[in-house]
Amino acid sequence: MTFDEVIQMLQAGDANDRIEAARMLADNQNDLSDDEYRTAVRALQTALADPDPQVIMVVMEALSRFTRETSEMQAVISEDDDAEELVTVATCSVCGKPEVLVDPSTCEYENCPYK
């Protein structure tokens, strides 16, 4: 069975065929070219709207196995490398508020570490 036939089966077969197609894509995802990989991911994402809940479950399982970083994904990751570092904020160990929002004079907790 060709890749295009599997995609067609995922889109237009009966429920058992759609389940089989999703499993075939997942089982063979390492053998797909980048273009086929992207096509398979798009087809599986579309299949998430399937009316049969069993098909949706198998499609979700199949999608979880599609973890390859394609060139498009690599470009996004490279852009993120240039992003600013995230700023972390200390929080109160008692109430959980960010420390900049803790007013020691009005804090209702006896054991407030900022009093």
C-alpha atoms as a PDB file:
ATOM      1  CA  MET A   1       0.000   0.000   0.000  1.00  0.00           C
ATOM      2  CA  THR A   2       1.404   3.399  -0.955  1.00  0.00           C
ATOM      3  CA  PHE A   3       1.636   6.410   1.318  1.00  0.00           C
ATOM      4  CA  ASP A   4      -1.080   8.219  -0.675  1.00  0.00           C
ATOM      5  CA  GLU A   5      -3.397   5.224  -0.319  1.00  0.00           C
ATOM      6  CA  VAL A   6      -2.902   5.214   3.457  1.00  0.00           C
ATOM      7  CA  ILE A   7      -3.713   8.934   3.624  1.00  0.00           C
ATOM      8  CA  GLN A   8      -6.798   8.358   1.468  1.00  0.00           C
ATOM      9  CA  MET A   9      -7.875   5.489   3.727  1.00  0.00           C
ATOM     10  CA  LEU A  10      -7.468   7.737   6.783  1.00  0.00           C
ATOM     11  CA  GLN A  11      -9.670  10.364   5.186  1.00  0.00           C
ATOM     12  CA  ALA A  12     -12.363   8.294   3.492  1.00  0.00           C
ATOM     13  CA  GLY A  13     -12.406   4.710   4.754  1.00  0.00           C
ATOM     14  CA  ASP A  14     -14.808   3.221   7.252  1.00  0.00           C
ATOM     15  CA  ALA A  15     -13.923   3.503  10.951  1.00  0.00           C
ATOM     16  CA  ASN A  16     -11.830   0.311  10.975  1.00  0.00           C
ATOM     17  CA  ASP A  17      -9.929   1.473   7.885  1.00  0.00           C
ATOM     18  CA  ARG A  18      -9.277   4.891   9.453  1.00  0.00           C
ATOM     19  CA  ILE A  19      -7.957   3.215  12.609  1.00  0.00           C
ATOM     20  CA  GLU A  20      -5.714   0.928  10.550  1.00  0.00           C
ATOM     21  CA  ALA A  21      -4.425   3.877   8.508  1.00  0.00           C
ATOM     22  CA  ALA A  22      -3.567   5.882  11.642  1.00  0.00           C
ATOM     23  CA  ARG A  23      -1.700   2.894  13.070  1.00  0.00           C
ATOM     24  CA  MET A  24       0.175   2.349   9.800  1.00  0.00           C
ATOM     25  CA  LEU A  25       1.277   5.987   9.745  1.00  0.00           C
ATOM     26  CA  ALA A  26       2.460   5.775  13.342  1.00  0.00           C
ATOM     27  CA  ASP A  27       4.286   2.485  12.791  1.00  0.00           C
ATOM     28  CA  ASN A  28       6.091   3.805   9.723  1.00  0.00           C
ATOM     29  CA  GLN A  29       6.648   7.453  10.642  1.00  0.00           C
ATOM     30  CA  ASN A  30      10.444   7.001  10.813  1.00  0.00           C
ATOM     31  CA  ASP A  31      10.480   5.932   7.157  1.00  0.00           C
ATOM     32  CA  LEU A  32       8.653   9.007   5.852  1.00  0.00           C
ATOM     33  CA  SER A  33      10.335  11.829   3.966  1.00  0.00           C
ATOM     34  CA  ASP A  34       9.932  15.331   5.426  1.00  0.00           C
ATOM     35  CA  ASP A  35       7.115  16.116   2.959  1.00  0.00           C
ATOM     36  CA  GLU A  36       5.319  12.851   3.712  1.00  0.00           C
ATOM     37  CA  TYR A  37       5.863  13.437   7.419  1.00  0.00           C
ATOM     38  CA  ARG A  38       4.215  16.878   7.262  1.00  0.00           C
ATOM     39  CA  THR A  39       1.366  15.483   5.135  1.00  0.00           C
ATOM     40  CA  ALA A  40       0.816  12.649   7.621  1.00  0.00           C
ATOM     41  CA  VAL A  41       0.762  15.036  10.587  1.00  0.00           C
ATOM     42  CA  ARG A  42      -1.758  17.305   8.840  1.00  0.00           C
ATOM     43  CA  ALA A  43      -3.955  14.326   7.919  1.00  0.00           C
ATOM     44  CA  LEU A  44      -3.843  13.002  11.476  1.00  0.00           C
ATOM     45  CA  GLN A  45      -4.636  16.436  12.892  1.00  0.00           C
ATOM     46  CA  THR A  46      -7.643  16.641  10.574  1.00  0.00           C
ATOM     47  CA  ALA A  47      -8.688  13.149  11.698  1.00  0.00           C
ATOM     48  CA  LEU A  48      -8.961  14.444  15.273  1.00  0.00           C
ATOM     49  CA  ALA A  49     -12.393  15.732  14.198  1.00  0.00           C
ATOM     50  CA  ASP A  50     -13.531  12.206  13.266  1.00  0.00           C
ATOM     51  CA  PRO A  51     -17.048  11.350  14.470  1.00  0.00           C
ATOM     52  CA  ASP A  52     -15.896   7.966  15.835  1.00  0.00           C
ATOM     53  CA  PRO A  53     -14.294   8.214  19.306  1.00  0.00           C
ATOM     54  CA  GLN A  54     -12.223   5.069  18.732  1.00  0.00           C
ATOM     55  CA  VAL A  55     -10.672   6.652  15.648  1.00  0.00           C
ATOM     56  CA  ILE A  56      -9.847   9.784  17.646  1.00  0.00           C
ATOM     57  CA  MET A  57      -8.141   7.715  20.362  1.00  0.00           C
ATOM     58  CA  VAL A  58      -5.948   5.897  17.828  1.00  0.00           C
ATOM     59  CA  VAL A  59      -5.188   9.153  15.998  1.00  0.00           C
ATOM     60  CA  MET A  60      -4.087  10.804  19.270  1.00  0.00           C
ATOM     61  CA  GLU A  61      -1.852   7.833  20.002  1.00  0.00           C
ATOM     62  CA  ALA A  62      -0.428   8.009  16.477  1.00  0.00           C
ATOM     63  CA  LEU A  63       0.255  11.741  16.740  1.00  0.00           C
ATOM     64  CA  SER A  64       2.151  11.215  19.979  1.00  0.00           C
ATOM     65  CA  ARG A  65       4.707   9.183  18.011  1.00  0.00           C
ATOM     66  CA  PHE A  66       5.341  11.971  15.488  1.00  0.00           C
ATOM     67  CA  THR A  67       8.212  13.684  17.271  1.00  0.00           C
ATOM     68  CA  ARG A  68      10.677  14.347  14.457  1.00  0.00           C
ATOM     69  CA  GLU A  69      11.951  17.901  14.149  1.00  0.00           C
ATOM     70  CA  THR A  70      11.381  18.929  10.565  1.00  0.00           C
ATOM     71  CA  SER A  71      13.280  21.818   8.999  1.00  0.00           C
ATOM     72  CA  GLU A  72      10.299  24.113   9.699  1.00  0.00           C
ATOM     73  CA  MET A  73      10.332  23.156  13.365  1.00  0.00           C
ATOM     74  CA  GLN A  74      14.107  23.633  13.515  1.00  0.00           C
ATOM     75  CA  ALA A  75      13.694  27.186  12.174  1.00  0.00           C
ATOM     76  CA  VAL A  76      11.240  28.007  14.979  1.00  0.00           C
ATOM     77  CA  ILE A  77      13.577  26.511  17.573  1.00  0.00           C
ATOM     78  CA  SER A  78      16.460  28.599  16.204  1.00  0.00           C
ATOM     79  CA  GLU A  79      14.355  31.753  16.494  1.00  0.00           C
ATOM     80  CA  ASP A  80      13.603  30.888  20.122  1.00  0.00           C
ATOM     81  CA  ASP A  81      17.329  30.695  20.874  1.00  0.00           C
ATOM     82  CA  ASP A  82      17.543  34.435  20.226  1.00  0.00           C
ATOM     83  CA  ALA A  83      14.667  35.199  22.597  1.00  0.00           C
ATOM     84  CA  GLU A  84      15.291  36.915  25.898  1.00  0.00           C
ATOM     85  CA  GLU A  85      15.752  34.800  28.979  1.00  0.00           C
ATOM     86  CA  LEU A  86      12.649  34.306  31.103  1.00  0.00           C
ATOM     87  CA  VAL A  87      12.612  36.254  34.336  1.00  0.00           C
ATOM     88  CA  THR A  88      11.700  34.259  37.396  1.00  0.00           C
ATOM     89  CA  VAL A  89       9.934  35.797  40.344  1.00  0.00           C
ATOM     90  CA  ALA A  90      10.311  34.710  43.954  1.00  0.00           C
ATOM     91  CA  THR A  91       7.077  33.825  45.685  1.00  0.00           C
ATOM     92  CA  CYS A  92       6.053  33.784  49.311  1.00  0.00           C
ATOM     93  CA  SER A  93       6.404  30.286  50.747  1.00  0.00           C
ATOM     94  CA  VAL A  94       3.289  30.815  52.892  1.00  0.00           C
ATOM     95  CA  CYS A  95       0.676  32.461  50.645  1.00  0.00           C
ATOM     96  CA  GLY A  96       2.196  31.853  47.190  1.00  0.00           C
ATOM     97  CA  LYS A  97       1.988  35.489  46.071  1.00  0.00           C
ATOM     98  CA  PRO A  98       4.911  36.991  44.149  1.00  0.00           C
ATOM     99  CA  GLU A  99       7.115  38.676  46.732  1.00  0.00           C
ATOM    100  CA  VAL A 100       6.667  42.075  45.091  1.00  0.00           C
ATOM    101  CA  LEU A 101       2.938  41.859  45.867  1.00  0.00           C
ATOM    102  CA  VAL A 102       3.350  40.908  49.522  1.00  0.00           C
ATOM    103  CA  ASP A 103       2.706  43.861  51.840  1.00  0.00           C
ATOM    104  CA  PRO A 104       4.151  42.848  55.228  1.00  0.00           C
ATOM    105  CA  SER A 105       2.033  45.406  57.061  1.00  0.00           C
ATOM    106  CA  THR A 106      -1.260  43.950  55.806  1.00  0.00           C
ATOM    107  CA  CYS A 107      -0.349  40.262  55.424  1.00  0.00           C
ATOM    108  CA  GLU A 108      -2.952  38.113  57.153  1.00  0.00           C
ATOM    109  CA  TYR A 109      -0.598  35.194  57.836  1.00  0.00           C
ATOM    110  CA  GLU A 110       1.144  34.989  61.242  1.00  0.00           C
ATOM    111  CA  ASN A 111       4.124  33.148  59.822  1.00  0.00           C
ATOM    112  CA  CYS A 112       4.716  35.528  56.895  1.00  0.00           C
ATOM    113  CA  PRO A 113       8.451  35.463  56.115  1.00  0.00           C
ATOM    114  CA  TYR A 114       8.324  39.115  55.003  1.00  0.00           C
ATOM    115  CA  LYS A 115       7.143  40.538  58.350  1.00  0.00           C
END
